[in-house]
C-alpha atoms as a PDB file:
ATOM      1  CA  MET A   1      94.614  95.927  97.025  1.00  0.00           C
ATOM      2  CA  THR A   2      91.963  96.157  94.327  1.00  0.00           C
ATOM      3  CA  PHE A   3      91.928  96.352  90.551  1.00  0.00           C
ATOM      4  CA  GLU A   4      89.238  96.438  87.904  1.00  0.00           C
ATOM      5  CA  CYS A   5      88.827  93.440  85.630  1.00  0.00           C
ATOM      6  CA  PRO A   6      86.404  93.090  82.699  1.00  0.00           C
ATOM      7  CA  VAL A   7      84.091  90.109  82.827  1.00  0.00           C
ATOM      8  CA  ALA A   8      82.277  89.249  79.612  1.00  0.00           C
ATOM      9  CA  SER A   9      78.549  89.353  80.470  1.00  0.00           C
ATOM     10  CA  LEU A  10      79.026  91.120  83.815  1.00  0.00           C
ATOM     11  CA  GLY A  11      80.775  94.372  82.865  1.00  0.00           C
ATOM     12  CA  MET A  12      83.557  95.503  85.188  1.00  0.00           C
ATOM     13  CA  VAL A  13      84.165  93.563  88.390  1.00  0.00           C
ATOM     14  CA  THR A  14      86.332  94.823  91.207  1.00  0.00           C
ATOM     15  CA  LEU A  15      88.597  92.105  92.515  1.00  0.00           C
ATOM     16  CA  LYS A  16      89.752  92.626  96.071  1.00  0.00           C
ATOM     17  CA  HIS A  17      92.465  90.946  98.065  1.00  0.00           C
ATOM     18  CA  TRP A  18      90.574  88.385 100.146  1.00  0.00           C
ATOM     19  CA  GLN A  19      91.504  88.527 103.822  1.00  0.00           C
ATOM     20  CA  GLY A  20      89.548  85.515 104.996  1.00  0.00           C
ATOM     21  CA  SER A  21      86.166  85.128 106.517  1.00  0.00           C
ATOM     22  CA  VAL A  22      85.063  84.273 110.009  1.00  0.00           C
ATOM     23  CA  ARG A  23      81.856  82.870 108.551  1.00  0.00           C
ATOM     24  CA  PRO A  24      81.972  79.719 106.402  1.00  0.00           C
ATOM     25  CA  GLU A  25      78.933  80.999 104.489  1.00  0.00           C
ATOM     26  CA  GLY A  26      80.915  84.057 103.371  1.00  0.00           C
ATOM     27  CA  LEU A  27      83.730  81.856 102.115  1.00  0.00           C
ATOM     28  CA  ALA A  28      81.236  79.653 100.267  1.00  0.00           C
ATOM     29  CA  TYR A  29      79.723  82.702  98.517  1.00  0.00           C
ATOM     30  CA  ALA A  30      83.192  83.970  97.610  1.00  0.00           C
ATOM     31  CA  LEU A  31      84.103  80.608  96.078  1.00  0.00           C
ATOM     32  CA  MET A  32      80.822  80.514  94.160  1.00  0.00           C
ATOM     33  CA  ALA A  33      81.504  84.002  92.771  1.00  0.00           C
ATOM     34  CA  VAL A  34      85.001  83.023  91.656  1.00  0.00           C
ATOM     35  CA  ASN A  35      83.666  79.840  90.033  1.00  0.00           C
ATOM     36  CA  GLU A  36      80.965  81.800  88.181  1.00  0.00           C
ATOM     37  CA  ALA A  37      83.416  84.464  87.015  1.00  0.00           C
ATOM     38  CA  ALA A  38      85.841  81.799  85.769  1.00  0.00           C
ATOM     39  CA  TRP A  39      83.357  80.907  83.028  1.00  0.00           C
ATOM     40  CA  HIS A  40      82.987  84.511  81.820  1.00  0.00           C
ATOM     41  CA  ILE A  41      86.196  86.326  82.628  1.00  0.00           C
ATOM     42  CA  ASP A  42      88.607  87.510  79.960  1.00  0.00           C
ATOM     43  CA  ARG A  43      91.793  86.191  81.573  1.00  0.00           C
ATOM     44  CA  MET A  44      94.193  87.993  79.268  1.00  0.00           C
ATOM     45  CA  GLN A  45      92.398  91.301  79.869  1.00  0.00           C
ATOM     46  CA  CYS A  46      92.759  90.739  83.618  1.00  0.00           C
ATOM     47  CA  ILE A  47      96.467  90.096  83.149  1.00  0.00           C
ATOM     48  CA  GLU A  48      96.696  93.373  81.219  1.00  0.00           C
ATOM     49  CA  CYS A  49      95.008  95.193  84.140  1.00  0.00           C
ATOM     50  CA  ALA A  50      97.010  93.493  86.890  1.00  0.00           C
ATOM     51  CA  PRO A  51      99.247  95.537  89.169  1.00  0.00           C
ATOM     52  CA  SER A  52     102.828  94.476  89.882  1.00  0.00           C
ATOM     53  CA  THR A  53     102.596  90.697  90.260  1.00  0.00           C
ATOM     54  CA  LEU A  54     104.815  88.012  91.757  1.00  0.00           C
ATOM     55  CA  SER A  55     104.287  84.454  90.510  1.00  0.00           C
ATOM     56  CA  LEU A  56     105.625  81.920  92.980  1.00  0.00           C
ATOM     57  CA  ILE A  57     105.604  78.507  91.302  1.00  0.00           C
ATOM     58  CA  GLY A  58     106.684  75.327  93.069  1.00  0.00           C
ATOM     59  CA  SER A  59     109.531  73.547  91.284  1.00  0.00           C
ATOM     60  CA  LYS A  60     107.470  70.334  91.288  1.00  0.00           C
ATOM     61  CA  SER A  61     104.500  72.046  89.585  1.00  0.00           C
ATOM     62  CA  ILE A  62     103.731  71.113  85.987  1.00  0.00           C
ATOM     63  CA  ASP A  63     106.066  72.501  83.333  1.00  0.00           C
ATOM     64  CA  GLU A  64     103.222  74.386  81.637  1.00  0.00           C
ATOM     65  CA  ALA A  65     102.714  76.504  84.769  1.00  0.00           C
ATOM     66  CA  HIS A  66     106.382  77.479  84.764  1.00  0.00           C
ATOM     67  CA  GLU A  67     106.352  78.203  81.033  1.00  0.00           C
ATOM     68  CA  PHE A  68     103.237  80.398  81.227  1.00  0.00           C
ATOM     69  CA  HIS A  69     104.536  82.505  84.119  1.00  0.00           C
ATOM     70  CA  GLN A  70     107.989  82.787  82.551  1.00  0.00           C
ATOM     71  CA  ILE A  71     106.342  84.109  79.369  1.00  0.00           C
ATOM     72  CA  LEU A  72     104.384  86.644  81.424  1.00  0.00           C
ATOM     73  CA  ALA A  73     107.541  87.749  83.260  1.00  0.00           C
ATOM     74  CA  ALA A  74     109.458  88.100  79.994  1.00  0.00           C
ATOM     75  CA  SER A  75     106.707  90.056  78.244  1.00  0.00           C
ATOM     76  CA  ARG A  76     105.427  92.293  81.066  1.00  0.00           C
ATOM     77  CA  GLY A  77     107.623  94.657  83.012  1.00  0.00           C
ATOM     78  CA  ASN A  78     105.486  94.398  86.158  1.00  0.00           C
ATOM     79  CA  TRP A  79     105.356  90.587  86.266  1.00  0.00           C
ATOM     80  CA  HIS A  80     107.947  88.646  88.245  1.00  0.00           C
ATOM     81  CA  TYR A  81     108.428  84.864  88.222  1.00  0.00           C
ATOM     82  CA  GLN A  82     110.196  82.823  90.879  1.00  0.00           C
ATOM     83  CA  SER A  83     110.443  79.064  91.228  1.00  0.00           C
ATOM     84  CA  VAL A  84     110.396  77.708  94.783  1.00  0.00           C
ATOM     85  CA  MET A  85     112.516  74.577  95.118  1.00  0.00           C
ATOM     86  CA  GLY A  86     111.166  71.279  96.420  1.00  0.00           C
ATOM     87  CA  VAL A  87     107.435  72.017  96.454  1.00  0.00           C
ATOM     88  CA  ASP A  88     104.396  71.749  94.195  1.00  0.00           C
ATOM     89  CA  HIS A  89     101.342  73.984  93.743  1.00  0.00           C
ATOM     90  CA  ALA A  90     100.591  73.746  97.490  1.00  0.00           C
ATOM     91  CA  LEU A  91     103.686  75.822  98.272  1.00  0.00           C
ATOM     92  CA  PRO A  92     101.897  78.318 100.586  1.00  0.00           C
ATOM     93  CA  TYR A  93     101.145  75.372 102.881  1.00  0.00           C
ATOM     94  CA  GLN A  94     104.515  73.690 102.411  1.00  0.00           C
ATOM     95  CA  LYS A  95     106.744  76.760 102.821  1.00  0.00           C
ATOM     96  CA  PRO A  96     104.612  79.570 104.274  1.00  0.00           C
ATOM     97  CA  GLY A  97     107.535  81.440 105.826  1.00  0.00           C
ATOM     98  CA  LEU A  98     109.476  81.543 102.567  1.00  0.00           C
ATOM     99  CA  CYS A  99     106.373  82.620 100.633  1.00  0.00           C
ATOM    100  CA  ALA A 100     105.725  85.407 103.138  1.00  0.00           C
ATOM    101  CA  ARG A 101     109.337  86.628 102.912  1.00  0.00           C
ATOM    102  CA  LEU A 102     109.282  86.644  99.093  1.00  0.00           C
ATOM    103  CA  ILE A 103     105.957  88.480  98.989  1.00  0.00           C
ATOM    104  CA  VAL A 104     107.136  91.098 101.500  1.00  0.00           C
ATOM    105  CA  GLU A 105     110.317  91.615  99.464  1.00  0.00           C
ATOM    106  CA  HIS A 106     108.229  91.991  96.296  1.00  0.00           C
ATOM    107  CA  LEU A 107     105.895  94.543  97.890  1.00  0.00           C
ATOM    108  CA  ARG A 108     108.658  96.528  99.582  1.00  0.00           C
ATOM    109  CA  PRO A 109     109.137  99.882  97.801  1.00  0.00           C
END
């Protein structure tokens, strides 16, 4: 999955779904690129360009995270919010099977 996202001094950047790297160096470069883009990216413009999105937020995550994603879900037809009970922001590690099931259900046509 890819989508175009404007980055202030860099023009358009294509963001691709990261599928992992067998080389630690590749992962390090990917993290450096994300860190660099974080300083220049227009986050709201990226949200505007985002495809159908599922926000899975752990119920123990900070209230502001829930509020922000609930606002996005209420204001954007292609944004879906779901709270996952009993976990925090590390929910993919705490409940990977549930996350996988919810993502598959979201992506199913």
